Amino acid sequence: MLKVTATAQKEFDNYFKGKEIKPVRIFLANQGCGGPSIGLAVDELKEDDMSYDIGDIKYVIVYISHLNHIFFELTILYIVSWFKGYIDI
């Protein structure tokens, strides 16, 4: 399950204002000395993606196995604590 806060939704709405609305991909970008980081990118829906329609925007995450999904959620929760007010999974 994916939840996008009202603050984040407004930012995405402003970004797409006057533009074609395309899916927003959420992904683990990399892991450095500060821990894992989350990435956001305008992208297309792919066959193996999970998607969540929130407002007018489709958010996509690559499908991962159950065990990897648990790790992914825990990692995202860790990262989200640094982005208070934007994305909550």
C-alpha atoms as a PDB file:
ATOM      1  CA  MET A   1       0.000   0.000   0.000  1.00  0.00           C
ATOM      2  CA  LEU A   2       1.214   3.475  -0.831  1.00  0.00           C
ATOM      3  CA  LYS A   3       0.066   6.730   0.742  1.00  0.00           C
ATOM      4  CA  VAL A   4       1.056  10.141  -0.563  1.00  0.00           C
ATOM      5  CA  THR A   5       0.566  13.078   1.784  1.00  0.00           C
ATOM      6  CA  ALA A   6      -1.414  16.136   0.736  1.00  0.00           C
ATOM      7  CA  THR A   7       1.826  18.144   0.781  1.00  0.00           C
ATOM      8  CA  ALA A   8       3.519  15.771  -1.640  1.00  0.00           C
ATOM      9  CA  GLN A   9       0.421  15.526  -3.860  1.00  0.00           C
ATOM     10  CA  LYS A  10       0.353  19.330  -4.206  1.00  0.00           C
ATOM     11  CA  GLU A  11       4.011  19.275  -5.258  1.00  0.00           C
ATOM     12  CA  PHE A  12       3.324  16.634  -7.915  1.00  0.00           C
ATOM     13  CA  ASP A  13       0.208  18.503  -9.087  1.00  0.00           C
ATOM     14  CA  ASN A  14       2.281  21.701  -9.424  1.00  0.00           C
ATOM     15  CA  TYR A  15       5.005  19.835 -11.301  1.00  0.00           C
ATOM     16  CA  PHE A  16       2.546  18.420 -13.845  1.00  0.00           C
ATOM     17  CA  LYS A  17       0.527  21.644 -14.225  1.00  0.00           C
ATOM     18  CA  GLY A  18       0.329  22.363 -17.954  1.00  0.00           C
ATOM     19  CA  LYS A  19       2.166  19.124 -18.784  1.00  0.00           C
ATOM     20  CA  GLU A  20       1.072  15.628 -19.743  1.00  0.00           C
ATOM     21  CA  ILE A  21       0.665  13.618 -16.546  1.00  0.00           C
ATOM     22  CA  LYS A  22       2.888  10.550 -16.600  1.00  0.00           C
ATOM     23  CA  PRO A  23       3.526   7.860 -13.978  1.00  0.00           C
ATOM     24  CA  VAL A  24       5.934   8.647 -11.150  1.00  0.00           C
ATOM     25  CA  ARG A  25       8.354   5.817 -10.397  1.00  0.00           C
ATOM     26  CA  ILE A  26       9.484   5.289  -6.792  1.00  0.00           C
ATOM     27  CA  PHE A  27      12.697   3.296  -6.470  1.00  0.00           C
ATOM     28  CA  LEU A  28      15.703   2.641  -4.284  1.00  0.00           C
ATOM     29  CA  ALA A  29      18.328   4.766  -5.960  1.00  0.00           C
ATOM     30  CA  ASN A  30      21.482   3.519  -4.256  1.00  0.00           C
ATOM     31  CA  GLN A  31      23.086   2.969  -0.904  1.00  0.00           C
ATOM     32  CA  GLY A  32      26.012   4.992   0.256  1.00  0.00           C
ATOM     33  CA  CYS A  33      27.613   5.850   3.569  1.00  0.00           C
ATOM     34  CA  GLY A  34      24.390   7.591   4.661  1.00  0.00           C
ATOM     35  CA  GLY A  35      22.239   4.509   3.991  1.00  0.00           C
ATOM     36  CA  PRO A  36      19.790   3.806   1.183  1.00  0.00           C
ATOM     37  CA  SER A  37      18.152   6.645  -0.716  1.00  0.00           C
ATOM     38  CA  ILE A  38      14.824   6.868  -2.485  1.00  0.00           C
ATOM     39  CA  GLY A  39      14.482   8.052  -6.042  1.00  0.00           C
ATOM     40  CA  LEU A  40      11.546   9.543  -7.913  1.00  0.00           C
ATOM     41  CA  ALA A  41      11.370   9.723 -11.689  1.00  0.00           C
ATOM     42  CA  VAL A  42       8.790  10.394 -14.364  1.00  0.00           C
ATOM     43  CA  ASP A  43       8.541   7.090 -16.222  1.00  0.00           C
ATOM     44  CA  GLU A  44       6.204   4.701 -18.021  1.00  0.00           C
ATOM     45  CA  LEU A  45       4.296   1.775 -16.529  1.00  0.00           C
ATOM     46  CA  LYS A  46       6.141  -1.486 -17.168  1.00  0.00           C
ATOM     47  CA  GLU A  47       4.760  -5.018 -17.228  1.00  0.00           C
ATOM     48  CA  ASP A  48       6.222  -6.054 -13.857  1.00  0.00           C
ATOM     49  CA  ASP A  49       5.220  -2.883 -11.957  1.00  0.00           C
ATOM     50  CA  MET A  50       2.818  -2.455  -9.087  1.00  0.00           C
ATOM     51  CA  SER A  51       0.843   0.749  -9.542  1.00  0.00           C
ATOM     52  CA  TYR A  52      -1.171   3.007  -7.265  1.00  0.00           C
ATOM     53  CA  ASP A  53      -3.536   5.667  -8.585  1.00  0.00           C
ATOM     54  CA  ILE A  54      -3.664   8.588  -6.189  1.00  0.00           C
ATOM     55  CA  GLY A  55      -5.447  11.684  -7.412  1.00  0.00           C
ATOM     56  CA  ASP A  56      -4.622  12.107 -11.094  1.00  0.00           C
ATOM     57  CA  ILE A  57      -1.196  10.539 -10.735  1.00  0.00           C
ATOM     58  CA  LYS A  58      -0.136   6.906 -11.107  1.00  0.00           C
ATOM     59  CA  TYR A  59       2.751   5.913  -8.837  1.00  0.00           C
ATOM     60  CA  VAL A  60       4.693   2.843  -9.932  1.00  0.00           C
ATOM     61  CA  ILE A  61       7.063   0.496  -8.108  1.00  0.00           C
ATOM     62  CA  VAL A  62       8.721  -2.522  -9.672  1.00  0.00           C
ATOM     63  CA  TYR A  63       7.162  -5.753  -8.409  1.00  0.00           C
ATOM     64  CA  ILE A  64       9.397  -7.640  -6.014  1.00  0.00           C
ATOM     65  CA  SER A  65       9.031 -10.977  -4.242  1.00  0.00           C
ATOM     66  CA  HIS A  66       7.380 -11.212  -0.821  1.00  0.00           C
ATOM     67  CA  LEU A  67      10.639 -11.317   1.183  1.00  0.00           C
ATOM     68  CA  ASN A  68      12.200  -8.543  -0.850  1.00  0.00           C
ATOM     69  CA  HIS A  69       8.944  -6.600  -0.509  1.00  0.00           C
ATOM     70  CA  ILE A  70       9.234  -6.696   3.296  1.00  0.00           C
ATOM     71  CA  PHE A  71      12.853  -5.481   3.089  1.00  0.00           C
ATOM     72  CA  PHE A  72      11.800  -2.800   0.571  1.00  0.00           C
ATOM     73  CA  GLU A  73       8.998  -1.536   2.839  1.00  0.00           C
ATOM     74  CA  LEU A  74      11.297  -1.421   5.863  1.00  0.00           C
ATOM     75  CA  THR A  75      13.917   0.438   3.855  1.00  0.00           C
ATOM     76  CA  ILE A  76      11.347   2.909   2.536  1.00  0.00           C
ATOM     77  CA  LEU A  77      10.004   3.470   6.051  1.00  0.00           C
ATOM     78  CA  TYR A  78      13.557   4.221   7.179  1.00  0.00           C
ATOM     79  CA  ILE A  79      14.056   6.680   4.315  1.00  0.00           C
ATOM     80  CA  VAL A  80      10.653   8.300   4.786  1.00  0.00           C
ATOM     81  CA  SER A  81      11.605   9.259   8.311  1.00  0.00           C
ATOM     82  CA  TRP A  82      14.065  11.648   6.656  1.00  0.00           C
ATOM     83  CA  PHE A  83      11.408  13.039   4.243  1.00  0.00           C
ATOM     84  CA  LYS A  84       8.736  13.893   6.805  1.00  0.00           C
ATOM     85  CA  GLY A  85       5.581  15.129   5.123  1.00  0.00           C
ATOM     86  CA  TYR A  86       6.167  13.754   1.633  1.00  0.00           C
ATOM     87  CA  ILE A  87       5.674   9.997   1.208  1.00  0.00           C
ATOM     88  CA  ASP A  88       4.447   7.363   3.664  1.00  0.00           C
ATOM     89  CA  ILE A  89       4.254   3.659   2.901  1.00  0.00           C
END
